[in-house]
C-alpha atoms as a PDB file:
ATOM      1  CA  MET A   1     -27.065 -61.959  60.845  1.00  0.00           C
ATOM      2  CA  ILE A   2     -28.211 -65.509  60.732  1.00  0.00           C
ATOM      3  CA  PHE A   3     -25.683 -68.600  61.089  1.00  0.00           C
ATOM      4  CA  HIS A   4     -27.155 -71.813  59.456  1.00  0.00           C
ATOM      5  CA  CYS A   5     -26.145 -74.760  61.422  1.00  0.00           C
ATOM      6  CA  GLY A   6     -28.135 -77.763  60.187  1.00  0.00           C
ATOM      7  CA  ASN A   7     -31.731 -77.434  61.118  1.00  0.00           C
ATOM      8  CA  PHE A   8     -30.707 -74.420  63.621  1.00  0.00           C
ATOM      9  CA  GLN A   9     -30.541 -70.765  62.868  1.00  0.00           C
ATOM     10  CA  LEU A  10     -28.389 -68.780  65.253  1.00  0.00           C
ATOM     11  CA  ASP A  11     -29.356 -65.139  65.556  1.00  0.00           C
ATOM     12  CA  LEU A  12     -25.762 -63.459  65.903  1.00  0.00           C
ATOM     13  CA  THR A  13     -27.285 -59.958  66.192  1.00  0.00           C
ATOM     14  CA  THR A  14     -25.977 -60.214  69.895  1.00  0.00           C
ATOM     15  CA  PRO A  15     -22.958 -62.556  70.771  1.00  0.00           C
ATOM     16  CA  LYS A  16     -23.384 -66.135  71.611  1.00  0.00           C
ATOM     17  CA  VAL A  17     -21.439 -68.627  73.596  1.00  0.00           C
ATOM     18  CA  MET A  18     -20.167 -71.911  72.596  1.00  0.00           C
ATOM     19  CA  GLY A  19     -19.507 -74.240  75.537  1.00  0.00           C
ATOM     20  CA  ILE A  20     -16.470 -76.369  75.482  1.00  0.00           C
ATOM     21  CA  VAL A  21     -16.952 -80.176  76.160  1.00  0.00           C
ATOM     22  CA  ASN A  22     -13.514 -82.020  75.957  1.00  0.00           C
ATOM     23  CA  VAL A  23     -14.027 -85.690  75.938  1.00  0.00           C
ATOM     24  CA  THR A  24     -10.050 -86.318  76.430  1.00  0.00           C
ATOM     25  CA  PRO A  25      -7.471 -87.025  79.083  1.00  0.00           C
ATOM     26  CA  ASP A  26      -5.033 -84.442  78.055  1.00  0.00           C
ATOM     27  CA  SER A  27      -6.916 -81.093  76.878  1.00  0.00           C
ATOM     28  CA  PHE A  28      -4.803 -78.153  78.640  1.00  0.00           C
ATOM     29  CA  SER A  29      -7.585 -77.028  80.975  1.00  0.00           C
ATOM     30  CA  ASP A  30      -9.785 -79.871  81.792  1.00  0.00           C
ATOM     31  CA  GLY A  31      -8.284 -82.860  80.644  1.00  0.00           C
ATOM     32  CA  GLY A  32      -9.697 -86.044  82.105  1.00  0.00           C
ATOM     33  CA  LYS A  33     -12.465 -84.365  84.081  1.00  0.00           C
ATOM     34  CA  PHE A  34     -14.914 -85.379  81.404  1.00  0.00           C
ATOM     35  CA  ALA A  35     -13.242 -88.352  79.654  1.00  0.00           C
ATOM     36  CA  ALA A  36     -16.184 -90.817  80.480  1.00  0.00           C
ATOM     37  CA  ALA A  37     -19.159 -90.333  78.164  1.00  0.00           C
ATOM     38  CA  HIS A  38     -21.640 -89.969  81.001  1.00  0.00           C
ATOM     39  CA  LEU A  39     -19.559 -87.123  82.774  1.00  0.00           C
ATOM     40  CA  ALA A  40     -19.243 -85.395  79.258  1.00  0.00           C
ATOM     41  CA  VAL A  41     -22.748 -85.770  78.861  1.00  0.00           C
ATOM     42  CA  GLU A  42     -23.711 -84.249  82.257  1.00  0.00           C
ATOM     43  CA  HIS A  43     -21.220 -81.394  81.897  1.00  0.00           C
ATOM     44  CA  ALA A  44     -22.819 -80.519  78.243  1.00  0.00           C
ATOM     45  CA  LEU A  45     -26.320 -80.500  79.650  1.00  0.00           C
ATOM     46  CA  LYS A  46     -25.120 -78.084  82.561  1.00  0.00           C
ATOM     47  CA  LEU A  47     -23.397 -75.818  80.092  1.00  0.00           C
ATOM     48  CA  VAL A  48     -26.766 -75.688  78.090  1.00  0.00           C
ATOM     49  CA  GLN A  49     -28.662 -74.756  81.348  1.00  0.00           C
ATOM     50  CA  GLU A  50     -25.911 -72.131  82.062  1.00  0.00           C
ATOM     51  CA  GLY A  51     -26.867 -70.403  78.353  1.00  0.00           C
ATOM     52  CA  ALA A  52     -24.510 -71.973  75.737  1.00  0.00           C
ATOM     53  CA  SER A  53     -25.883 -71.546  72.644  1.00  0.00           C
ATOM     54  CA  ILE A  54     -23.737 -74.328  70.987  1.00  0.00           C
ATOM     55  CA  LEU A  55     -21.980 -77.270  72.350  1.00  0.00           C
ATOM     56  CA  ASP A  56     -18.470 -78.033  70.984  1.00  0.00           C
ATOM     57  CA  ILE A  57     -17.540 -81.734  71.532  1.00  0.00           C
ATOM     58  CA  GLY A  58     -13.895 -82.734  71.174  1.00  0.00           C
ATOM     59  CA  GLY A  59     -12.115 -85.888  71.456  1.00  0.00           C
ATOM     60  CA  GLU A  60      -8.512 -85.145  70.592  1.00  0.00           C
ATOM     61  CA  SER A  61      -6.533 -82.401  72.258  1.00  0.00           C
ATOM     62  CA  THR A  62      -5.208 -79.807  69.970  1.00  0.00           C
ATOM     63  CA  ARG A  63      -2.916 -77.914  72.906  1.00  0.00           C
ATOM     64  CA  PRO A  64       0.655 -77.421  72.062  1.00  0.00           C
ATOM     65  CA  ASN A  65       2.797 -80.652  71.903  1.00  0.00           C
ATOM     66  CA  ALA A  66      -0.338 -82.840  71.921  1.00  0.00           C
ATOM     67  CA  THR A  67      -0.276 -86.633  70.866  1.00  0.00           C
ATOM     68  CA  PRO A  68      -2.393 -87.367  68.066  1.00  0.00           C
ATOM     69  CA  VAL A  69      -5.115 -89.959  68.614  1.00  0.00           C
ATOM     70  CA  SER A  70      -6.290 -92.727  66.346  1.00  0.00           C
ATOM     71  CA  LEU A  71      -9.514 -92.451  64.236  1.00  0.00           C
ATOM     72  CA  GLN A  72     -11.219 -95.241  66.082  1.00  0.00           C
ATOM     73  CA  GLU A  73      -9.992 -93.550  69.399  1.00  0.00           C
ATOM     74  CA  GLU A  74     -11.531 -90.328  68.616  1.00  0.00           C
ATOM     75  CA  LEU A  75     -14.911 -92.001  67.317  1.00  0.00           C
ATOM     76  CA  ASN A  76     -14.862 -93.982  70.459  1.00  0.00           C
ATOM     77  CA  ARG A  77     -14.854 -90.614  72.659  1.00  0.00           C
ATOM     78  CA  VAL A  78     -17.136 -88.437  70.860  1.00  0.00           C
ATOM     79  CA  ILE A  79     -20.128 -90.449  69.082  1.00  0.00           C
ATOM     80  CA  PRO A  80     -21.419 -92.001  72.481  1.00  0.00           C
ATOM     81  CA  VAL A  81     -21.684 -88.314  73.814  1.00  0.00           C
ATOM     82  CA  ILE A  82     -23.290 -86.831  70.674  1.00  0.00           C
ATOM     83  CA  GLU A  83     -25.787 -89.655  70.334  1.00  0.00           C
ATOM     84  CA  ALA A  84     -26.485 -89.337  74.076  1.00  0.00           C
ATOM     85  CA  LEU A  85     -27.249 -85.524  73.897  1.00  0.00           C
ATOM     86  CA  VAL A  86     -29.438 -85.978  70.834  1.00  0.00           C
ATOM     87  CA  GLU A  87     -31.435 -88.334  72.695  1.00  0.00           C
ATOM     88  CA  GLN A  88     -31.680 -85.909  75.558  1.00  0.00           C
ATOM     89  CA  PHE A  89     -32.733 -83.144  73.168  1.00  0.00           C
ATOM     90  CA  LYS A  90     -35.422 -85.308  71.608  1.00  0.00           C
ATOM     91  CA  GLN A  91     -36.811 -85.515  75.234  1.00  0.00           C
ATOM     92  CA  ASP A  92     -36.676 -82.130  75.941  1.00  0.00           C
ATOM     93  CA  LYS A  93     -36.948 -79.737  72.862  1.00  0.00           C
ATOM     94  CA  GLN A  94     -36.349 -76.715  75.268  1.00  0.00           C
ATOM     95  CA  LEU A  95     -32.727 -77.941  75.799  1.00  0.00           C
ATOM     96  CA  SER A  96     -31.998 -78.400  72.458  1.00  0.00           C
ATOM     97  CA  ILE A  97     -28.997 -76.371  70.945  1.00  0.00           C
ATOM     98  CA  PRO A  98     -26.531 -77.214  67.845  1.00  0.00           C
ATOM     99  CA  ILE A  99     -23.882 -79.620  68.591  1.00  0.00           C
ATOM    100  CA  SER A 100     -20.512 -78.908  67.014  1.00  0.00           C
ATOM    101  CA  ILE A 101     -17.883 -81.661  66.346  1.00  0.00           C
ATOM    102  CA  ASP A 102     -14.491 -80.196  67.000  1.00  0.00           C
ATOM    103  CA  THR A 103     -12.330 -82.384  64.579  1.00  0.00           C
ATOM    104  CA  TYR A 104     -10.084 -82.028  61.440  1.00  0.00           C
ATOM    105  CA  LYS A 105     -10.782 -85.619  60.195  1.00  0.00           C
ATOM    106  CA  PRO A 106     -13.356 -86.301  57.762  1.00  0.00           C
ATOM    107  CA  ALA A 107     -14.441 -89.551  58.950  1.00  0.00           C
ATOM    108  CA  VAL A 108     -14.991 -88.173  62.165  1.00  0.00           C
ATOM    109  CA  MET A 109     -16.940 -85.310  60.787  1.00  0.00           C
ATOM    110  CA  GLN A 110     -19.079 -87.560  58.614  1.00  0.00           C
ATOM    111  CA  ALA A 111     -19.822 -89.822  61.526  1.00  0.00           C
ATOM    112  CA  ALA A 112     -20.781 -87.106  63.960  1.00  0.00           C
ATOM    113  CA  ILE A 113     -23.107 -85.437  61.349  1.00  0.00           C
ATOM    114  CA  ALA A 114     -24.771 -88.891  61.065  1.00  0.00           C
ATOM    115  CA  ALA A 115     -25.352 -88.991  64.930  1.00  0.00           C
ATOM    116  CA  GLY A 116     -26.703 -85.723  65.004  1.00  0.00           C
ATOM    117  CA  SER A 117     -24.002 -82.848  64.898  1.00  0.00           C
ATOM    118  CA  SER A 118     -25.031 -79.909  63.004  1.00  0.00           C
ATOM    119  CA  MET A 119     -21.805 -78.047  62.938  1.00  0.00           C
ATOM    120  CA  VAL A 120     -17.998 -78.798  62.073  1.00  0.00           C
ATOM    121  CA  ASN A 121     -15.176 -76.865  64.008  1.00  0.00           C
ATOM    122  CA  ASP A 122     -12.196 -77.743  62.239  1.00  0.00           C
ATOM    123  CA  VAL A 123      -8.584 -76.058  63.283  1.00  0.00           C
ATOM    124  CA  ARG A 124      -7.290 -76.993  59.932  1.00  0.00           C
ATOM    125  CA  ALA A 125     -10.038 -75.227  58.175  1.00  0.00           C
ATOM    126  CA  LEU A 126     -11.296 -78.316  55.925  1.00  0.00           C
ATOM    127  CA  GLN A 127      -7.528 -78.776  54.560  1.00  0.00           C
ATOM    128  CA  GLU A 128      -7.573 -82.525  54.920  1.00  0.00           C
ATOM    129  CA  SER A 129      -8.249 -84.559  52.022  1.00  0.00           C
ATOM    130  CA  GLY A 130     -12.160 -85.272  51.771  1.00  0.00           C
ATOM    131  CA  ALA A 131     -13.098 -82.680  54.325  1.00  0.00           C
ATOM    132  CA  LEU A 132     -14.512 -80.104  52.363  1.00  0.00           C
ATOM    133  CA  GLU A 133     -16.732 -82.616  50.514  1.00  0.00           C
ATOM    134  CA  VAL A 134     -18.102 -83.802  53.722  1.00  0.00           C
ATOM    135  CA  VAL A 135     -19.096 -80.512  54.768  1.00  0.00           C
ATOM    136  CA  ALA A 136     -20.343 -79.089  51.325  1.00  0.00           C
ATOM    137  CA  LYS A 137     -22.654 -81.927  50.715  1.00  0.00           C
ATOM    138  CA  THR A 138     -24.509 -81.167  54.001  1.00  0.00           C
ATOM    139  CA  ASN A 139     -26.220 -78.059  55.605  1.00  0.00           C
ATOM    140  CA  VAL A 140     -23.995 -78.063  58.575  1.00  0.00           C
ATOM    141  CA  GLY A 141     -22.423 -74.906  59.935  1.00  0.00           C
ATOM    142  CA  VAL A 142     -18.458 -74.773  59.771  1.00  0.00           C
ATOM    143  CA  CYS A 143     -15.839 -73.002  61.588  1.00  0.00           C
ATOM    144  CA  LEU A 144     -12.703 -72.558  59.530  1.00  0.00           C
ATOM    145  CA  MET A 145      -9.749 -71.671  61.960  1.00  0.00           C
ATOM    146  CA  HIS A 146      -6.308 -70.592  61.280  1.00  0.00           C
ATOM    147  CA  MET A 147      -3.377 -72.352  62.615  1.00  0.00           C
ATOM    148  CA  GLN A 148       0.389 -72.159  61.737  1.00  0.00           C
ATOM    149  CA  GLY A 149       1.910 -75.463  61.718  1.00  0.00           C
ATOM    150  CA  THR A 150       0.444 -78.422  63.508  1.00  0.00           C
ATOM    151  CA  PRO A 151      -0.226 -78.940  67.420  1.00  0.00           C
ATOM    152  CA  GLN A 152       2.976 -80.771  67.659  1.00  0.00           C
ATOM    153  CA  THR A 153       4.953 -77.881  66.135  1.00  0.00           C
ATOM    154  CA  MET A 154       2.917 -74.641  66.200  1.00  0.00           C
ATOM    155  CA  GLN A 155       4.516 -72.870  69.062  1.00  0.00           C
ATOM    156  CA  ASN A 156       8.056 -73.623  68.014  1.00  0.00           C
ATOM    157  CA  ASN A 157       8.788 -70.131  67.168  1.00  0.00           C
ATOM    158  CA  PRO A 158       6.020 -68.922  65.044  1.00  0.00           C
ATOM    159  CA  GLN A 159       6.759 -66.217  62.581  1.00  0.00           C
ATOM    160  CA  TYR A 160       4.681 -63.915  60.104  1.00  0.00           C
ATOM    161  CA  ASN A 161       5.309 -61.282  57.481  1.00  0.00           C
ATOM    162  CA  ASN A 162       2.175 -59.504  59.125  1.00  0.00           C
ATOM    163  CA  VAL A 163       0.279 -61.649  61.450  1.00  0.00           C
ATOM    164  CA  LEU A 164      -2.985 -59.585  60.893  1.00  0.00           C
ATOM    165  CA  GLU A 165      -2.717 -59.828  57.050  1.00  0.00           C
ATOM    166  CA  ASP A 166      -1.437 -63.351  56.975  1.00  0.00           C
ATOM    167  CA  VAL A 167      -4.252 -64.645  59.199  1.00  0.00           C
ATOM    168  CA  LYS A 168      -6.879 -62.808  57.143  1.00  0.00           C
ATOM    169  CA  ALA A 169      -5.593 -64.043  53.825  1.00  0.00           C
ATOM    170  CA  PHE A 170      -5.599 -67.435  54.917  1.00  0.00           C
ATOM    171  CA  LEU A 171      -9.258 -67.312  56.171  1.00  0.00           C
ATOM    172  CA  LYS A 172     -10.250 -65.602  53.078  1.00  0.00           C
ATOM    173  CA  ALA A 173      -8.875 -68.246  50.961  1.00  0.00           C
ATOM    174  CA  ARG A 174     -10.487 -71.095  52.859  1.00  0.00           C
ATOM    175  CA  GLN A 175     -13.723 -69.092  52.884  1.00  0.00           C
ATOM    176  CA  GLN A 176     -13.304 -69.046  49.147  1.00  0.00           C
ATOM    177  CA  ALA A 177     -12.353 -72.700  48.976  1.00  0.00           C
ATOM    178  CA  SER A 178     -15.521 -73.736  50.898  1.00  0.00           C
ATOM    179  CA  ILE A 179     -17.984 -71.779  48.925  1.00  0.00           C
ATOM    180  CA  HIS A 180     -16.459 -73.168  45.824  1.00  0.00           C
ATOM    181  CA  ALA A 181     -16.851 -76.505  47.073  1.00  0.00           C
ATOM    182  CA  GLY A 182     -20.795 -75.912  47.515  1.00  0.00           C
ATOM    183  CA  CYS A 183     -21.161 -74.367  51.343  1.00  0.00           C
ATOM    184  CA  ARG A 184     -23.292 -71.366  51.530  1.00  0.00           C
ATOM    185  CA  ALA A 185     -21.737 -68.294  53.053  1.00  0.00           C
ATOM    186  CA  SER A 186     -24.395 -68.428  55.595  1.00  0.00           C
ATOM    187  CA  GLN A 187     -22.906 -71.742  56.879  1.00  0.00           C
ATOM    188  CA  ILE A 188     -19.599 -70.404  57.771  1.00  0.00           C
ATOM    189  CA  VAL A 189     -17.956 -68.520  60.599  1.00  0.00           C
ATOM    190  CA  LEU A 190     -14.241 -67.736  60.743  1.00  0.00           C
ATOM    191  CA  ASP A 191     -11.797 -68.133  63.678  1.00  0.00           C
ATOM    192  CA  PRO A 192      -8.264 -66.231  63.675  1.00  0.00           C
ATOM    193  CA  GLY A 193      -6.978 -69.079  65.790  1.00  0.00           C
ATOM    194  CA  PHE A 194      -5.721 -67.492  69.007  1.00  0.00           C
ATOM    195  CA  GLY A 195      -2.973 -69.557  70.534  1.00  0.00           C
ATOM    196  CA  PHE A 196      -2.430 -71.902  67.522  1.00  0.00           C
ATOM    197  CA  GLY A 197       0.979 -70.970  66.002  1.00  0.00           C
ATOM    198  CA  LYS A 198       1.072 -67.511  67.496  1.00  0.00           C
ATOM    199  CA  THR A 199       3.442 -65.808  70.096  1.00  0.00           C
ATOM    200  CA  ARG A 200       1.866 -63.516  73.119  1.00  0.00           C
ATOM    201  CA  GLU A 201       2.475 -60.291  70.568  1.00  0.00           C
ATOM    202  CA  HIS A 202       0.827 -62.246  67.607  1.00  0.00           C
ATOM    203  CA  ASN A 203      -2.366 -62.709  69.916  1.00  0.00           C
ATOM    204  CA  ILE A 204      -2.336 -59.346  71.249  1.00  0.00           C
ATOM    205  CA  THR A 205      -2.048 -57.894  67.755  1.00  0.00           C
ATOM    206  CA  LEU A 206      -4.969 -59.939  66.573  1.00  0.00           C
ATOM    207  CA  LEU A 207      -7.224 -59.056  69.493  1.00  0.00           C
ATOM    208  CA  GLN A 208      -6.544 -55.243  69.172  1.00  0.00           C
ATOM    209  CA  ASN A 209      -7.396 -55.243  65.561  1.00  0.00           C
ATOM    210  CA  LEU A 210     -10.275 -57.965  65.521  1.00  0.00           C
ATOM    211  CA  GLU A 211     -12.554 -55.525  64.090  1.00  0.00           C
ATOM    212  CA  SER A 212     -10.573 -55.588  60.808  1.00  0.00           C
ATOM    213  CA  PHE A 213     -11.766 -59.085  60.158  1.00  0.00           C
ATOM    214  CA  ALA A 214     -15.022 -57.675  59.303  1.00  0.00           C
ATOM    215  CA  ASP A 215     -13.708 -57.314  55.638  1.00  0.00           C
ATOM    216  CA  LEU A 216     -14.128 -61.032  55.205  1.00  0.00           C
ATOM    217  CA  SER A 217     -18.053 -60.653  55.725  1.00  0.00           C
ATOM    218  CA  GLN A 218     -18.254 -63.713  57.871  1.00  0.00           C
ATOM    219  CA  PRO A 219     -19.051 -64.025  61.376  1.00  0.00           C
ATOM    220  CA  LEU A 220     -16.143 -64.289  63.832  1.00  0.00           C
ATOM    221  CA  LEU A 221     -15.538 -67.092  66.259  1.00  0.00           C
ATOM    222  CA  VAL A 222     -13.009 -66.284  69.126  1.00  0.00           C
ATOM    223  CA  GLY A 223     -11.478 -68.900  71.522  1.00  0.00           C
ATOM    224  CA  LEU A 224      -9.439 -67.438  74.264  1.00  0.00           C
ATOM    225  CA  SER A 225     -10.728 -69.047  77.028  1.00  0.00           C
ATOM    226  CA  ARG A 226      -8.076 -69.910  79.835  1.00  0.00           C
ATOM    227  CA  LYS A 227      -5.370 -69.740  77.153  1.00  0.00           C
ATOM    228  CA  SER A 228      -1.627 -69.658  77.821  1.00  0.00           C
ATOM    229  CA  VAL A 229      -1.498 -65.968  76.578  1.00  0.00           C
ATOM    230  CA  LEU A 230      -3.687 -65.177  79.317  1.00  0.00           C
ATOM    231  CA  GLY A 231      -1.671 -66.598  81.706  1.00  0.00           C
ATOM    232  CA  GLN A 232       1.502 -64.812  80.335  1.00  0.00           C
ATOM    233  CA  MET A 233      -0.473 -61.646  80.938  1.00  0.00           C
ATOM    234  CA  THR A 234      -1.700 -62.227  84.536  1.00  0.00           C
ATOM    235  CA  GLY A 235       0.832 -64.921  85.894  1.00  0.00           C
ATOM    236  CA  ASN A 236      -2.059 -67.353  86.511  1.00  0.00           C
ATOM    237  CA  ASP A 237      -2.031 -71.014  86.234  1.00  0.00           C
ATOM    238  CA  VAL A 238      -4.822 -72.328  83.839  1.00  0.00           C
ATOM    239  CA  ASP A 239      -7.194 -72.955  86.484  1.00  0.00           C
ATOM    240  CA  ALA A 240      -6.993 -69.377  87.842  1.00  0.00           C
ATOM    241  CA  ARG A 241      -7.827 -67.722  84.435  1.00  0.00           C
ATOM    242  CA  LEU A 242     -11.558 -67.050  84.904  1.00  0.00           C
ATOM    243  CA  TYR A 243     -11.205 -63.160  85.203  1.00  0.00           C
ATOM    244  CA  ALA A 244      -8.965 -62.756  82.491  1.00  0.00           C
ATOM    245  CA  SER A 245     -11.021 -64.907  80.138  1.00  0.00           C
ATOM    246  CA  ILE A 246     -13.980 -63.046  80.974  1.00  0.00           C
ATOM    247  CA  ALA A 247     -12.130 -59.737  79.863  1.00  0.00           C
ATOM    248  CA  ALA A 248     -10.745 -61.372  76.731  1.00  0.00           C
ATOM    249  CA  SER A 249     -14.424 -62.372  75.587  1.00  0.00           C
ATOM    250  CA  VAL A 250     -15.790 -59.193  76.412  1.00  0.00           C
ATOM    251  CA  ILE A 251     -13.113 -57.340  74.586  1.00  0.00           C
ATOM    252  CA  ALA A 252     -13.612 -59.844  71.594  1.00  0.00           C
ATOM    253  CA  ALA A 253     -17.450 -59.269  71.511  1.00  0.00           C
ATOM    254  CA  MET A 254     -16.935 -55.538  71.652  1.00  0.00           C
ATOM    255  CA  LYS A 255     -14.600 -55.672  68.725  1.00  0.00           C
ATOM    256  CA  GLY A 256     -17.073 -57.829  66.672  1.00  0.00           C
ATOM    257  CA  ALA A 257     -16.758 -61.325  67.705  1.00  0.00           C
ATOM    258  CA  LYS A 258     -20.117 -63.202  67.243  1.00  0.00           C
ATOM    259  CA  ILE A 259     -19.356 -66.600  69.002  1.00  0.00           C
ATOM    260  CA  LEU A 260     -17.210 -66.855  71.899  1.00  0.00           C
ATOM    261  CA  ARG A 261     -15.771 -70.391  72.545  1.00  0.00           C
ATOM    262  CA  VAL A 262     -15.429 -70.779  76.480  1.00  0.00           C
ATOM    263  CA  HIS A 263     -14.988 -73.037  79.258  1.00  0.00           C
ATOM    264  CA  ASP A 264     -16.897 -70.897  81.816  1.00  0.00           C
ATOM    265  CA  VAL A 265     -20.467 -70.451  80.299  1.00  0.00           C
ATOM    266  CA  LYS A 266     -22.188 -68.880  82.886  1.00  0.00           C
ATOM    267  CA  ALA A 267     -20.141 -66.145  83.696  1.00  0.00           C
ATOM    268  CA  THR A 268     -19.423 -65.451  79.870  1.00  0.00           C
ATOM    269  CA  VAL A 269     -23.314 -65.367  79.138  1.00  0.00           C
ATOM    270  CA  GLU A 270     -23.663 -62.606  81.748  1.00  0.00           C
ATOM    271  CA  ALA A 271     -20.844 -60.523  80.686  1.00  0.00           C
ATOM    272  CA  LEU A 272     -22.031 -60.642  77.133  1.00  0.00           C
ATOM    273  CA  LYS A 273     -25.340 -59.682  78.321  1.00  0.00           C
ATOM    274  CA  VAL A 274     -23.939 -56.365  79.145  1.00  0.00           C
ATOM    275  CA  VAL A 275     -21.991 -56.223  75.894  1.00  0.00           C
ATOM    276  CA  ALA A 276     -25.387 -56.583  73.940  1.00  0.00           C
ATOM    277  CA  ALA A 277     -27.076 -53.962  76.048  1.00  0.00           C
ATOM    278  CA  ILE A 278     -24.479 -51.484  75.409  1.00  0.00           C
ATOM    279  CA  GLN A 279     -24.336 -52.419  71.850  1.00  0.00           C
ATOM    280  CA  GLN A 280     -28.133 -52.272  71.341  1.00  0.00           C
ATOM    281  CA  ASN A 281     -28.005 -48.717  72.879  1.00  0.00           C
ATOM    282  CA  ASN A 282     -25.523 -47.246  70.315  1.00  0.00           C
END
């Protein structure tokens, strides 16, 4: 299974790791740690050395109740980081991996692609006006994620008729809309959106039944790293959820996830090597 990401082709026969680079002061886990561009670049290069296959650069927090940022502020945060990483990759081709822009704003997508991003990771699944067109006219990869509501409202009593079927139906509809707009199936990955408008029980149901997303015939991206559902299970604060995050990533990979979006790259890469060895021997 090959995922086409701009000029990159990722072989998803074995699960891959997407390293999170939050260029924000208020992200739920590492807000402020890498808000300065040079710190974000240093952190990103460290994640590459630890084995990340994709870098996900975000300039606006989407944690519950997050405050939206202006278009210009988001551009000011992410574009210098993308440009600096692209320059580093030109100097050392062995470091070069796809850069994903984590945004729902079409103008940010366009600027990031122009700066060198080869993937768009959109929590709103290209529903903003103009977003489909930006991605469809390029050959960048795209992640379409499910979210009920907005970051400001999503955890206010989320409800579903059937969370598994509702999420699958939404992702299938967005997959079809993307292909109809001109995207190729090989450019698309899908994300059930753990923690985005879901209760503890909703998240557990999705993880228990993750293999059923194979019906959609697209690679699955899963982001459970350090999320509140893991805190609810373990009683641990956000900075003490490494072991729970590794367990969640391993379960997701064993159930078919092809890309794991995580903060702790080295530990996850090593855990997934075990998963890959077991899957290859089946």
